[in-house]
């Protein structure tokens, strides 16, 4: 018996399993105080960043993973799950975040990509990943790599919902198309959209993505959040929209209410009153 081979055999670790309720809101924060406000407002999780997307966009240059100290401060401040972003394809940033024991890693196009060709093999990690997608094929490719959650890419840092709406409508339209196809058409469709066949088959059978599908990129008001839920999102990410507004805590609470009760228009009316100035928006170029 080759004892050394037994001793050196890697031990497979279980991947964390975190699920978020339908109508949940995940908020970007840059420090412990903002994280506490987000938790108080009812966020189901926070995304720890060095700068919110609006500031990343304004600063230009290369955007990288946040300082681990900021992430640790946020983790120590709240009881809800904490997410953090790494650059697309940056294996070491993602391993650093895994070592920090964050609850979720966002392999994010908001940061400057480290690899223009390959994404991270997310199946090798104990920490679940969320990834952005503009359409069904892209979403299923990321899920095939091991993503446990999908979000629209939208247009982060703008306060402009138009791209998030386009991406969600595109994805939901494609899902409805696949759900209505006959099974013998699926292999050709999988090839056309470059998606794993087994995942496309799941979409065909269930009429939805195999994982949660949140909206992100440009959500700035309670009505924006409710709109994305109406279009088929399972929940929303809010980046710059809260802490770039005039009254962050009130905006946060209002967005949480509107997301959870997106069909209660009277409630959205009340929650939208007297919030002050939302973040300044940017027109899509």
C-alpha atoms as a PDB file:
ATOM      1  CA  UNK A   1       0.000   0.000   0.000  1.00  0.00           C
ATOM      2  CA  UNK A   2       1.363   3.427  -0.936  1.00  0.00           C
ATOM      3  CA  UNK A   3       0.721   5.278   2.293  1.00  0.00           C
ATOM      4  CA  UNK A   4       1.971   8.575   0.918  1.00  0.00           C
ATOM      5  CA  UNK A   5      -0.692   8.689  -1.781  1.00  0.00           C
ATOM      6  CA  UNK A   6      -3.432   8.253   0.822  1.00  0.00           C
ATOM      7  CA  UNK A   7      -2.047  10.954   3.101  1.00  0.00           C
ATOM      8  CA  UNK A   8      -1.597  13.419   0.272  1.00  0.00           C
ATOM      9  CA  UNK A   9      -5.026  12.902  -1.251  1.00  0.00           C
ATOM     10  CA  UNK A  10      -6.877  16.255  -1.120  1.00  0.00           C
ATOM     11  CA  UNK A  11      -9.938  16.415   1.110  1.00  0.00           C
ATOM     12  CA  UNK A  12     -12.968  17.692  -0.758  1.00  0.00           C
ATOM     13  CA  UNK A  13     -14.704  20.443   1.200  1.00  0.00           C
ATOM     14  CA  UNK A  14     -18.401  21.201   1.041  1.00  0.00           C
ATOM     15  CA  UNK A  15     -19.451  24.394  -0.725  1.00  0.00           C
ATOM     16  CA  UNK A  16     -21.310  26.896   1.443  1.00  0.00           C
ATOM     17  CA  UNK A  17     -25.038  26.891   0.767  1.00  0.00           C
ATOM     18  CA  UNK A  18     -26.655  30.303   1.120  1.00  0.00           C
ATOM     19  CA  UNK A  19     -30.097  31.082  -0.236  1.00  0.00           C
ATOM     20  CA  UNK A  20     -31.786  34.465  -0.334  1.00  0.00           C
ATOM     21  CA  UNK A  21     -35.541  35.006  -0.025  1.00  0.00           C
ATOM     22  CA  UNK A  22     -37.623  36.043  -3.021  1.00  0.00           C
ATOM     23  CA  UNK A  23     -37.716  39.828  -3.039  1.00  0.00           C
ATOM     24  CA  UNK A  24     -34.450  40.261  -1.144  1.00  0.00           C
ATOM     25  CA  UNK A  25     -32.167  43.291  -1.515  1.00  0.00           C
ATOM     26  CA  UNK A  26     -28.354  43.172  -1.483  1.00  0.00           C
ATOM     27  CA  UNK A  27     -26.647  46.529  -0.899  1.00  0.00           C
ATOM     28  CA  UNK A  28     -23.167  47.846  -1.711  1.00  0.00           C
ATOM     29  CA  UNK A  29     -21.313  49.266   1.311  1.00  0.00           C
ATOM     30  CA  UNK A  30     -17.839  50.729   1.784  1.00  0.00           C
ATOM     31  CA  UNK A  31     -17.512  50.646   5.572  1.00  0.00           C
ATOM     32  CA  UNK A  32     -18.918  49.114   8.748  1.00  0.00           C
ATOM     33  CA  UNK A  33     -21.327  51.992   9.408  1.00  0.00           C
ATOM     34  CA  UNK A  34     -22.973  51.648   6.006  1.00  0.00           C
ATOM     35  CA  UNK A  35     -23.179  47.892   6.517  1.00  0.00           C
ATOM     36  CA  UNK A  36     -25.024  48.399   9.808  1.00  0.00           C
ATOM     37  CA  UNK A  37     -27.462  50.803   8.135  1.00  0.00           C
ATOM     38  CA  UNK A  38     -28.090  48.294   5.344  1.00  0.00           C
ATOM     39  CA  UNK A  39     -28.758  45.534   7.872  1.00  0.00           C
ATOM     40  CA  UNK A  40     -31.082  47.820   9.852  1.00  0.00           C
ATOM     41  CA  UNK A  41     -32.991  48.665   6.665  1.00  0.00           C
ATOM     42  CA  UNK A  42     -33.633  44.989   5.943  1.00  0.00           C
ATOM     43  CA  UNK A  43     -30.952  44.017   3.410  1.00  0.00           C
ATOM     44  CA  UNK A  44     -30.511  40.244   3.069  1.00  0.00           C
ATOM     45  CA  UNK A  45     -26.764  40.715   2.413  1.00  0.00           C
ATOM     46  CA  UNK A  46     -24.156  43.401   1.776  1.00  0.00           C
ATOM     47  CA  UNK A  47     -21.410  43.734  -0.820  1.00  0.00           C
ATOM     48  CA  UNK A  48     -18.190  45.056   0.747  1.00  0.00           C
ATOM     49  CA  UNK A  49     -16.350  47.452  -1.574  1.00  0.00           C
ATOM     50  CA  UNK A  50     -13.607  50.050  -1.418  1.00  0.00           C
ATOM     51  CA  UNK A  51     -15.669  52.317  -3.703  1.00  0.00           C
ATOM     52  CA  UNK A  52     -19.240  52.067  -4.965  1.00  0.00           C
ATOM     53  CA  UNK A  53     -19.635  51.693  -8.763  1.00  0.00           C
ATOM     54  CA  UNK A  54     -20.368  55.407  -9.286  1.00  0.00           C
ATOM     55  CA  UNK A  55     -17.006  56.296  -7.721  1.00  0.00           C
ATOM     56  CA  UNK A  56     -15.229  53.517  -9.643  1.00  0.00           C
ATOM     57  CA  UNK A  57     -16.678  54.909 -12.877  1.00  0.00           C
ATOM     58  CA  UNK A  58     -15.735  58.498 -11.965  1.00  0.00           C
ATOM     59  CA  UNK A  59     -12.175  57.617 -10.918  1.00  0.00           C
ATOM     60  CA  UNK A  60     -11.333  55.612 -14.030  1.00  0.00           C
ATOM     61  CA  UNK A  61      -8.121  53.591 -14.149  1.00  0.00           C
ATOM     62  CA  UNK A  62      -7.874  49.982 -12.970  1.00  0.00           C
ATOM     63  CA  UNK A  63     -10.421  48.812 -10.384  1.00  0.00           C
ATOM     64  CA  UNK A  64      -9.294  45.925  -8.174  1.00  0.00           C
ATOM     65  CA  UNK A  65     -10.475  43.847  -5.222  1.00  0.00           C
ATOM     66  CA  UNK A  66     -11.113  45.875  -2.051  1.00  0.00           C
ATOM     67  CA  UNK A  67      -8.578  46.083   0.780  1.00  0.00           C
ATOM     68  CA  UNK A  68      -9.113  42.937   2.919  1.00  0.00           C
ATOM     69  CA  UNK A  69      -9.237  45.154   6.016  1.00  0.00           C
ATOM     70  CA  UNK A  70     -12.399  46.874   4.721  1.00  0.00           C
ATOM     71  CA  UNK A  71     -14.003  43.504   4.041  1.00  0.00           C
ATOM     72  CA  UNK A  72     -13.114  42.226   7.522  1.00  0.00           C
ATOM     73  CA  UNK A  73     -14.517  45.366   9.167  1.00  0.00           C
ATOM     74  CA  UNK A  74     -17.815  44.865   7.341  1.00  0.00           C
ATOM     75  CA  UNK A  75     -17.892  41.160   8.240  1.00  0.00           C
ATOM     76  CA  UNK A  76     -17.359  41.988  11.909  1.00  0.00           C
ATOM     77  CA  UNK A  77     -20.094  44.647  11.887  1.00  0.00           C
ATOM     78  CA  UNK A  78     -23.102  42.636  10.676  1.00  0.00           C
ATOM     79  CA  UNK A  79     -24.774  39.255  11.031  1.00  0.00           C
ATOM     80  CA  UNK A  80     -26.163  39.069   7.487  1.00  0.00           C
ATOM     81  CA  UNK A  81     -24.049  37.484   4.699  1.00  0.00           C
ATOM     82  CA  UNK A  82     -21.167  39.541   3.300  1.00  0.00           C
ATOM     83  CA  UNK A  83     -20.158  39.426  -0.360  1.00  0.00           C
ATOM     84  CA  UNK A  84     -17.025  40.819  -1.988  1.00  0.00           C
ATOM     85  CA  UNK A  85     -15.915  41.353  -5.584  1.00  0.00           C
ATOM     86  CA  UNK A  86     -12.930  39.953  -7.442  1.00  0.00           C
ATOM     87  CA  UNK A  87     -11.837  40.703 -10.988  1.00  0.00           C
ATOM     88  CA  UNK A  88     -12.993  38.375 -13.757  1.00  0.00           C
ATOM     89  CA  UNK A  89     -10.456  35.573 -14.135  1.00  0.00           C
ATOM     90  CA  UNK A  90      -8.340  36.670 -11.148  1.00  0.00           C
ATOM     91  CA  UNK A  91      -7.775  33.340  -9.406  1.00  0.00           C
ATOM     92  CA  UNK A  92      -5.667  34.797  -6.584  1.00  0.00           C
ATOM     93  CA  UNK A  93      -8.100  37.577  -5.650  1.00  0.00           C
ATOM     94  CA  UNK A  94     -10.837  34.950  -5.444  1.00  0.00           C
ATOM     95  CA  UNK A  95      -8.665  32.683  -3.282  1.00  0.00           C
ATOM     96  CA  UNK A  96      -7.900  35.627  -0.991  1.00  0.00           C
ATOM     97  CA  UNK A  97     -11.633  36.256  -0.578  1.00  0.00           C
ATOM     98  CA  UNK A  98     -12.215  32.564   0.084  1.00  0.00           C
ATOM     99  CA  UNK A  99      -9.475  32.666   2.731  1.00  0.00           C
ATOM    100  CA  UNK A 100     -11.181  35.694   4.314  1.00  0.00           C
ATOM    101  CA  UNK A 101     -14.258  33.451   4.617  1.00  0.00           C
ATOM    102  CA  UNK A 102     -16.649  35.814   2.863  1.00  0.00           C
ATOM    103  CA  UNK A 103     -20.089  34.351   2.268  1.00  0.00           C
ATOM    104  CA  UNK A 104     -20.227  34.993  -1.495  1.00  0.00           C
ATOM    105  CA  UNK A 105     -17.754  36.073  -4.188  1.00  0.00           C
ATOM    106  CA  UNK A 106     -18.864  38.277  -7.080  1.00  0.00           C
ATOM    107  CA  UNK A 107     -16.686  37.684 -10.146  1.00  0.00           C
ATOM    108  CA  UNK A 108     -17.512  41.135 -11.355  1.00  0.00           C
ATOM    109  CA  UNK A 109     -17.319  43.152 -14.558  1.00  0.00           C
ATOM    110  CA  UNK A 110     -17.593  46.275 -12.350  1.00  0.00           C
ATOM    111  CA  UNK A 111     -13.882  45.753 -11.647  1.00  0.00           C
ATOM    112  CA  UNK A 112     -11.274  45.730 -14.408  1.00  0.00           C
ATOM    113  CA  UNK A 113     -11.044  42.183 -15.855  1.00  0.00           C
ATOM    114  CA  UNK A 114      -7.820  40.326 -15.134  1.00  0.00           C
ATOM    115  CA  UNK A 115      -8.448  37.819 -17.928  1.00  0.00           C
ATOM    116  CA  UNK A 116     -10.233  38.775 -21.148  1.00  0.00           C
ATOM    117  CA  UNK A 117     -10.749  35.160 -22.190  1.00  0.00           C
ATOM    118  CA  UNK A 118     -11.331  32.907 -19.188  1.00  0.00           C
ATOM    119  CA  UNK A 119     -13.533  33.087 -16.113  1.00  0.00           C
ATOM    120  CA  UNK A 120     -12.673  31.391 -12.822  1.00  0.00           C
ATOM    121  CA  UNK A 121     -13.523  27.692 -12.417  1.00  0.00           C
ATOM    122  CA  UNK A 122     -15.944  28.315  -9.574  1.00  0.00           C
ATOM    123  CA  UNK A 123     -16.564  24.613  -8.910  1.00  0.00           C
ATOM    124  CA  UNK A 124     -13.207  24.368  -7.126  1.00  0.00           C
ATOM    125  CA  UNK A 125     -14.213  26.747  -4.308  1.00  0.00           C
ATOM    126  CA  UNK A 126     -16.023  26.296  -1.012  1.00  0.00           C
ATOM    127  CA  UNK A 127     -17.477  29.805  -1.319  1.00  0.00           C
ATOM    128  CA  UNK A 128     -20.407  30.298  -3.737  1.00  0.00           C
ATOM    129  CA  UNK A 129     -20.096  32.779  -6.614  1.00  0.00           C
ATOM    130  CA  UNK A 130     -22.433  35.267  -8.268  1.00  0.00           C
ATOM    131  CA  UNK A 131     -21.767  36.405 -11.840  1.00  0.00           C
ATOM    132  CA  UNK A 132     -23.280  38.923 -14.225  1.00  0.00           C
ATOM    133  CA  UNK A 133     -25.045  38.024 -17.470  1.00  0.00           C
ATOM    134  CA  UNK A 134     -26.774  39.889 -20.281  1.00  0.00           C
ATOM    135  CA  UNK A 135     -28.599  36.906 -21.789  1.00  0.00           C
ATOM    136  CA  UNK A 136     -29.460  33.251 -21.226  1.00  0.00           C
ATOM    137  CA  UNK A 137     -26.410  31.791 -22.958  1.00  0.00           C
ATOM    138  CA  UNK A 138     -24.039  33.872 -20.842  1.00  0.00           C
ATOM    139  CA  UNK A 139     -25.945  32.992 -17.665  1.00  0.00           C
ATOM    140  CA  UNK A 140     -25.800  29.245 -18.378  1.00  0.00           C
ATOM    141  CA  UNK A 141     -22.074  29.394 -19.195  1.00  0.00           C
ATOM    142  CA  UNK A 142     -21.386  31.027 -15.826  1.00  0.00           C
ATOM    143  CA  UNK A 143     -23.587  28.453 -14.062  1.00  0.00           C
ATOM    144  CA  UNK A 144     -21.716  25.723 -15.937  1.00  0.00           C
ATOM    145  CA  UNK A 145     -18.478  27.109 -14.449  1.00  0.00           C
ATOM    146  CA  UNK A 146     -20.032  26.799 -10.985  1.00  0.00           C
ATOM    147  CA  UNK A 147     -21.870  30.089 -10.327  1.00  0.00           C
ATOM    148  CA  UNK A 148     -24.534  29.701  -7.632  1.00  0.00           C
ATOM    149  CA  UNK A 149     -26.338  32.931  -8.529  1.00  0.00           C
ATOM    150  CA  UNK A 150     -26.791  35.198 -11.559  1.00  0.00           C
ATOM    151  CA  UNK A 151     -27.451  38.936 -11.800  1.00  0.00           C
ATOM    152  CA  UNK A 152     -28.060  41.240 -14.732  1.00  0.00           C
ATOM    153  CA  UNK A 153     -25.058  43.368 -15.622  1.00  0.00           C
ATOM    154  CA  UNK A 154     -27.042  46.550 -16.215  1.00  0.00           C
ATOM    155  CA  UNK A 155     -25.110  49.811 -16.233  1.00  0.00           C
ATOM    156  CA  UNK A 156     -23.555  50.057 -12.741  1.00  0.00           C
ATOM    157  CA  UNK A 157     -22.802  53.423 -11.207  1.00  0.00           C
ATOM    158  CA  UNK A 158     -25.223  55.355 -13.415  1.00  0.00           C
ATOM    159  CA  UNK A 159     -28.549  55.267 -11.593  1.00  0.00           C
ATOM    160  CA  UNK A 160     -29.968  54.455 -15.042  1.00  0.00           C
ATOM    161  CA  UNK A 161     -32.142  51.338 -15.149  1.00  0.00           C
ATOM    162  CA  UNK A 162     -32.369  50.981 -18.946  1.00  0.00           C
ATOM    163  CA  UNK A 163     -29.643  48.336 -19.403  1.00  0.00           C
ATOM    164  CA  UNK A 164     -30.805  46.221 -16.451  1.00  0.00           C
ATOM    165  CA  UNK A 165     -34.297  46.253 -17.977  1.00  0.00           C
ATOM    166  CA  UNK A 166     -32.924  45.235 -21.373  1.00  0.00           C
ATOM    167  CA  UNK A 167     -30.888  42.374 -19.926  1.00  0.00           C
ATOM    168  CA  UNK A 168     -33.743  41.054 -17.781  1.00  0.00           C
ATOM    169  CA  UNK A 169     -36.239  41.244 -20.656  1.00  0.00           C
ATOM    170  CA  UNK A 170     -33.758  39.484 -22.941  1.00  0.00           C
ATOM    171  CA  UNK A 171     -33.138  36.682 -20.460  1.00  0.00           C
ATOM    172  CA  UNK A 172     -36.792  36.135 -19.568  1.00  0.00           C
ATOM    173  CA  UNK A 173     -37.765  36.143 -23.258  1.00  0.00           C
ATOM    174  CA  UNK A 174     -35.152  33.485 -24.013  1.00  0.00           C
ATOM    175  CA  UNK A 175     -36.270  31.395 -21.028  1.00  0.00           C
ATOM    176  CA  UNK A 176     -39.874  31.465 -22.267  1.00  0.00           C
ATOM    177  CA  UNK A 177     -38.674  30.448 -25.731  1.00  0.00           C
ATOM    178  CA  UNK A 178     -36.689  27.472 -24.376  1.00  0.00           C
ATOM    179  CA  UNK A 179     -39.534  26.411 -22.095  1.00  0.00           C
ATOM    180  CA  UNK A 180     -41.865  26.223 -25.098  1.00  0.00           C
ATOM    181  CA  UNK A 181     -39.511  24.336 -27.426  1.00  0.00           C
ATOM    182  CA  UNK A 182     -39.740  20.609 -28.090  1.00  0.00           C
ATOM    183  CA  UNK A 183     -36.973  18.565 -26.504  1.00  0.00           C
ATOM    184  CA  UNK A 184     -35.500  17.492 -29.841  1.00  0.00           C
ATOM    185  CA  UNK A 185     -34.783  21.149 -30.691  1.00  0.00           C
ATOM    186  CA  UNK A 186     -32.697  21.788 -27.585  1.00  0.00           C
ATOM    187  CA  UNK A 187     -29.337  20.420 -28.747  1.00  0.00           C
ATOM    188  CA  UNK A 188     -29.241  22.781 -31.724  1.00  0.00           C
ATOM    189  CA  UNK A 189     -30.327  25.685 -29.499  1.00  0.00           C
ATOM    190  CA  UNK A 190     -27.620  24.849 -26.937  1.00  0.00           C
ATOM    191  CA  UNK A 191     -25.028  25.027 -29.711  1.00  0.00           C
ATOM    192  CA  UNK A 192     -26.406  28.309 -31.045  1.00  0.00           C
ATOM    193  CA  UNK A 193     -26.273  30.102 -27.686  1.00  0.00           C
ATOM    194  CA  UNK A 194     -23.093  28.270 -26.530  1.00  0.00           C
ATOM    195  CA  UNK A 195     -24.780  26.895 -23.409  1.00  0.00           C
ATOM    196  CA  UNK A 196     -24.300  23.538 -21.624  1.00  0.00           C
ATOM    197  CA  UNK A 197     -27.040  21.180 -22.848  1.00  0.00           C
ATOM    198  CA  UNK A 198     -27.925  19.765 -19.409  1.00  0.00           C
ATOM    199  CA  UNK A 199     -28.487  23.259 -18.030  1.00  0.00           C
ATOM    200  CA  UNK A 200     -30.584  24.248 -21.032  1.00  0.00           C
ATOM    201  CA  UNK A 201     -32.651  21.108 -20.439  1.00  0.00           C
ATOM    202  CA  UNK A 202     -33.312  22.269 -16.865  1.00  0.00           C
ATOM    203  CA  UNK A 203     -34.527  25.623 -18.176  1.00  0.00           C
ATOM    204  CA  UNK A 204     -36.781  23.795 -20.645  1.00  0.00           C
ATOM    205  CA  UNK A 205     -38.288  21.655 -17.875  1.00  0.00           C
ATOM    206  CA  UNK A 206     -38.667  24.307 -15.154  1.00  0.00           C
ATOM    207  CA  UNK A 207     -39.174  27.543 -17.079  1.00  0.00           C
ATOM    208  CA  UNK A 208     -36.516  29.363 -15.059  1.00  0.00           C
ATOM    209  CA  UNK A 209     -32.761  29.503 -14.431  1.00  0.00           C
ATOM    210  CA  UNK A 210     -31.306  26.687 -12.300  1.00  0.00           C
ATOM    211  CA  UNK A 211     -30.137  29.338  -9.777  1.00  0.00           C
ATOM    212  CA  UNK A 212     -31.462  32.628  -8.365  1.00  0.00           C
ATOM    213  CA  UNK A 213     -31.552  35.494 -10.861  1.00  0.00           C
ATOM    214  CA  UNK A 214     -31.187  38.972  -9.316  1.00  0.00           C
ATOM    215  CA  UNK A 215     -31.296  42.356 -11.047  1.00  0.00           C
ATOM    216  CA  UNK A 216     -28.363  44.771 -10.814  1.00  0.00           C
ATOM    217  CA  UNK A 217     -26.923  47.841 -12.471  1.00  0.00           C
ATOM    218  CA  UNK A 218     -28.788  51.139 -12.274  1.00  0.00           C
ATOM    219  CA  UNK A 219     -31.400  50.468  -9.566  1.00  0.00           C
ATOM    220  CA  UNK A 220     -31.796  53.865  -7.855  1.00  0.00           C
ATOM    221  CA  UNK A 221     -35.393  54.193  -6.606  1.00  0.00           C
ATOM    222  CA  UNK A 222     -38.094  52.011  -5.009  1.00  0.00           C
ATOM    223  CA  UNK A 223     -39.946  52.061  -8.339  1.00  0.00           C
ATOM    224  CA  UNK A 224     -36.805  50.825 -10.148  1.00  0.00           C
ATOM    225  CA  UNK A 225     -36.549  47.885  -7.753  1.00  0.00           C
ATOM    226  CA  UNK A 226     -40.246  47.031  -8.139  1.00  0.00           C
ATOM    227  CA  UNK A 227     -39.915  47.226 -11.933  1.00  0.00           C
ATOM    228  CA  UNK A 228     -37.117  44.647 -11.963  1.00  0.00           C
ATOM    229  CA  UNK A 229     -39.178  42.307  -9.791  1.00  0.00           C
ATOM    230  CA  UNK A 230     -42.141  42.779 -12.134  1.00  0.00           C
ATOM    231  CA  UNK A 231     -39.926  41.755 -15.070  1.00  0.00           C
ATOM    232  CA  UNK A 232     -38.989  38.483 -13.371  1.00  0.00           C
ATOM    233  CA  UNK A 233     -36.061  39.114 -11.007  1.00  0.00           C
ATOM    234  CA  UNK A 234     -35.805  37.089  -7.798  1.00  0.00           C
ATOM    235  CA  UNK A 235     -34.348  40.099  -5.967  1.00  0.00           C
ATOM    236  CA  UNK A 236     -32.150  43.140  -6.554  1.00  0.00           C
ATOM    237  CA  UNK A 237     -28.634  44.415  -5.983  1.00  0.00           C
ATOM    238  CA  UNK A 238     -28.442  48.136  -5.223  1.00  0.00           C
ATOM    239  CA  UNK A 239     -25.012  49.668  -5.688  1.00  0.00           C
ATOM    240  CA  UNK A 240     -24.579  53.425  -5.718  1.00  0.00           C
ATOM    241  CA  UNK A 241     -28.313  54.143  -5.498  1.00  0.00           C
ATOM    242  CA  UNK A 242     -28.549  54.103  -1.704  1.00  0.00           C
ATOM    243  CA  UNK A 243     -25.455  55.741  -0.273  1.00  0.00           C
ATOM    244  CA  UNK A 244     -25.271  58.295  -3.104  1.00  0.00           C
ATOM    245  CA  UNK A 245     -28.803  59.457  -2.265  1.00  0.00           C
ATOM    246  CA  UNK A 246     -29.740  62.350   0.021  1.00  0.00           C
ATOM    247  CA  UNK A 247     -31.174  60.118   2.768  1.00  0.00           C
ATOM    248  CA  UNK A 248     -29.519  56.667   2.553  1.00  0.00           C
ATOM    249  CA  UNK A 249     -31.354  54.916   5.399  1.00  0.00           C
ATOM    250  CA  UNK A 250     -34.789  56.044   4.196  1.00  0.00           C
ATOM    251  CA  UNK A 251     -33.944  55.099   0.610  1.00  0.00           C
ATOM    252  CA  UNK A 252     -32.682  51.704   1.768  1.00  0.00           C
ATOM    253  CA  UNK A 253     -35.851  50.957   3.729  1.00  0.00           C
ATOM    254  CA  UNK A 254     -38.064  52.118   0.866  1.00  0.00           C
ATOM    255  CA  UNK A 255     -36.234  49.949  -1.675  1.00  0.00           C
ATOM    256  CA  UNK A 256     -36.476  46.917   0.630  1.00  0.00           C
ATOM    257  CA  UNK A 257     -40.237  47.451   0.982  1.00  0.00           C
ATOM    258  CA  UNK A 258     -40.795  48.012  -2.734  1.00  0.00           C
ATOM    259  CA  UNK A 259     -38.795  44.920  -3.676  1.00  0.00           C
ATOM    260  CA  UNK A 260     -40.619  42.639  -1.254  1.00  0.00           C
ATOM    261  CA  UNK A 261     -44.066  44.063  -2.124  1.00  0.00           C
ATOM    262  CA  UNK A 262     -43.568  44.999  -5.763  1.00  0.00           C
ATOM    263  CA  UNK A 263     -47.228  44.459  -6.681  1.00  0.00           C
ATOM    264  CA  UNK A 264     -48.538  46.630  -3.833  1.00  0.00           C
ATOM    265  CA  UNK A 265     -48.591  49.971  -5.635  1.00  0.00           C
ATOM    266  CA  UNK A 266     -50.160  51.856  -2.726  1.00  0.00           C
ATOM    267  CA  UNK A 267     -47.282  50.749  -0.497  1.00  0.00           C
ATOM    268  CA  UNK A 268     -44.748  51.839  -3.122  1.00  0.00           C
ATOM    269  CA  UNK A 269     -46.446  55.252  -3.223  1.00  0.00           C
ATOM    270  CA  UNK A 270     -46.094  55.658   0.536  1.00  0.00           C
ATOM    271  CA  UNK A 271     -42.534  54.345   0.690  1.00  0.00           C
ATOM    272  CA  UNK A 272     -41.487  56.716  -2.119  1.00  0.00           C
ATOM    273  CA  UNK A 273     -42.734  59.893  -0.416  1.00  0.00           C
ATOM    274  CA  UNK A 274     -40.287  62.394   1.051  1.00  0.00           C
ATOM    275  CA  UNK A 275     -37.127  60.433   0.359  1.00  0.00           C
ATOM    276  CA  UNK A 276     -35.153  63.445  -0.803  1.00  0.00           C
ATOM    277  CA  UNK A 277     -32.910  63.555  -3.848  1.00  0.00           C
ATOM    278  CA  UNK A 278     -31.917  60.187  -5.377  1.00  0.00           C
ATOM    279  CA  UNK A 279     -28.418  59.685  -6.737  1.00  0.00           C
ATOM    280  CA  UNK A 280     -27.604  61.786  -9.797  1.00  0.00           C
ATOM    281  CA  UNK A 281     -28.111  59.615 -12.855  1.00  0.00           C
ATOM    282  CA  UNK A 282     -26.077  59.345 -16.044  1.00  0.00           C
ATOM    283  CA  UNK A 283     -27.554  58.926 -19.504  1.00  0.00           C
ATOM    284  CA  UNK A 284     -26.348  55.838 -21.357  1.00  0.00           C
ATOM    285  CA  UNK A 285     -23.776  56.797 -23.973  1.00  0.00           C
END
